[in-house]
């Protein structure tokens, strides 16, 4: 997956709260379709689940974004290593030992 695509998948807390307040569609915003259907069918767990979601939505968004940031970092690290190996190959050096 490309870095730009992952950056576009980052979620906004403000948008998540707006989705929660309008139709309780915050799980749709996060791509959790089955949970969203269950949330709607149970009326937000008779509003208990809704209150818990209201209090934990911010940390869920932070966790989601942190996982994406970690994937972006891994992609960047791979790109840097590839660039270093390519430059070393052009210069005729054996750089593989440095990454092991």
Protein backbone atom coordinates (compact mmCIF):
# COMPACT_ATOMS: atom_id res chain seq x y z
CA UNK A 1 0.00 0.00 0.00
CA UNK A 2 1.34 3.43 -0.85
CA UNK A 3 2.26 6.08 1.68
CA UNK A 4 -0.17 8.62 0.22
CA UNK A 5 -3.05 6.15 0.39
CA UNK A 6 -2.31 5.42 4.05
CA UNK A 7 -2.11 9.14 4.85
CA UNK A 8 -5.52 9.64 3.23
CA UNK A 9 -6.96 6.93 5.50
CA UNK A 10 -6.12 8.93 8.65
CA UNK A 11 -9.29 9.78 10.59
CA UNK A 12 -10.33 13.04 12.19
CA UNK A 13 -11.73 13.10 15.73
CA UNK A 14 -14.08 15.94 14.81
CA UNK A 15 -15.52 14.03 11.88
CA UNK A 16 -15.88 10.90 14.02
CA UNK A 17 -17.85 12.82 16.66
CA UNK A 18 -20.05 14.40 13.97
CA UNK A 19 -20.76 10.94 12.57
CA UNK A 20 -21.58 9.76 16.10
CA UNK A 21 -23.99 12.63 16.72
CA UNK A 22 -25.73 12.31 13.35
CA UNK A 23 -27.24 8.84 12.97
CA UNK A 24 -24.63 7.20 15.19
CA UNK A 25 -22.59 6.26 12.12
CA UNK A 26 -19.12 6.47 13.66
CA UNK A 27 -18.41 2.79 13.00
CA UNK A 28 -19.13 3.34 9.31
CA UNK A 29 -16.58 6.15 9.34
CA UNK A 30 -14.00 3.74 10.73
CA UNK A 31 -14.91 1.00 8.26
CA UNK A 32 -16.45 -1.39 10.81
CA UNK A 33 -19.68 -2.18 9.01
CA UNK A 34 -20.85 -5.17 11.06
CA UNK A 35 -20.36 -3.30 14.33
CA UNK A 36 -22.32 -0.40 12.88
CA UNK A 37 -25.27 -2.64 12.01
CA UNK A 38 -25.17 -4.19 15.49
CA UNK A 39 -25.00 -0.72 17.04
CA UNK A 40 -28.09 0.36 15.13
CA UNK A 41 -30.05 -2.85 15.79
CA UNK A 42 -29.47 -2.63 19.57
CA UNK A 43 -30.09 1.14 19.66
CA UNK A 44 -26.54 1.66 20.83
CA UNK A 45 -26.79 -1.16 23.34
CA UNK A 46 -29.83 0.57 24.82
CA UNK A 47 -27.70 3.71 24.95
CA UNK A 48 -25.14 2.16 27.31
CA UNK A 49 -22.90 1.22 24.38
CA UNK A 50 -23.46 4.70 22.95
CA UNK A 51 -22.29 6.38 26.16
CA UNK A 52 -19.20 4.17 26.28
CA UNK A 53 -18.47 4.99 22.63
CA UNK A 54 -18.89 8.69 23.32
CA UNK A 55 -16.25 8.47 26.06
CA UNK A 56 -13.81 6.23 24.15
CA UNK A 57 -14.16 7.48 20.57
CA UNK A 58 -11.19 9.82 20.81
CA UNK A 59 -8.82 7.08 21.96
CA UNK A 60 -10.13 4.71 19.26
CA UNK A 61 -9.34 7.30 16.60
CA UNK A 62 -5.88 7.83 18.14
CA UNK A 63 -5.24 4.08 18.07
CA UNK A 64 -6.43 3.77 14.47
CA UNK A 65 -4.21 6.66 13.38
CA UNK A 66 -1.24 5.30 15.36
CA UNK A 67 -1.50 1.96 13.52
CA UNK A 68 -1.56 3.81 10.19
CA UNK A 69 1.41 5.95 11.25
CA UNK A 70 3.35 2.79 12.10
CA UNK A 71 2.62 1.36 8.64
CA UNK A 72 3.73 4.63 7.03
CA UNK A 73 6.94 4.56 9.07
CA UNK A 74 7.65 0.98 7.95
CA UNK A 75 7.12 1.98 4.32
CA UNK A 76 9.46 4.95 4.71
CA UNK A 77 12.09 2.77 6.37
CA UNK A 78 11.84 0.27 3.52
CA UNK A 79 12.15 3.06 0.95
CA UNK A 80 15.26 4.44 2.70
CA UNK A 81 16.88 1.00 2.86
CA UNK A 82 16.09 0.41 -0.81
CA UNK A 83 17.56 3.78 -1.74
CA UNK A 84 20.74 3.13 0.27
CA UNK A 85 21.15 -0.32 -1.30
CA UNK A 86 20.59 1.11 -4.78
CA UNK A 87 23.17 3.84 -4.24
CA UNK A 88 25.63 1.31 -2.84
CA UNK A 89 25.07 -0.95 -5.86
CA UNK A 90 25.77 1.98 -8.17
CA UNK A 91 28.99 2.69 -6.27
CA UNK A 92 29.88 -1.01 -6.24
CA UNK A 93 29.83 -1.44 -2.45
CA UNK A 94 28.38 -4.38 -0.51
CA UNK A 95 25.93 -2.73 1.89
CA UNK A 96 23.76 -5.78 2.76
CA UNK A 97 25.89 -6.52 5.82
CA UNK A 98 24.90 -3.18 7.36
CA UNK A 99 21.20 -4.15 7.44
CA UNK A 100 21.62 -7.59 8.97
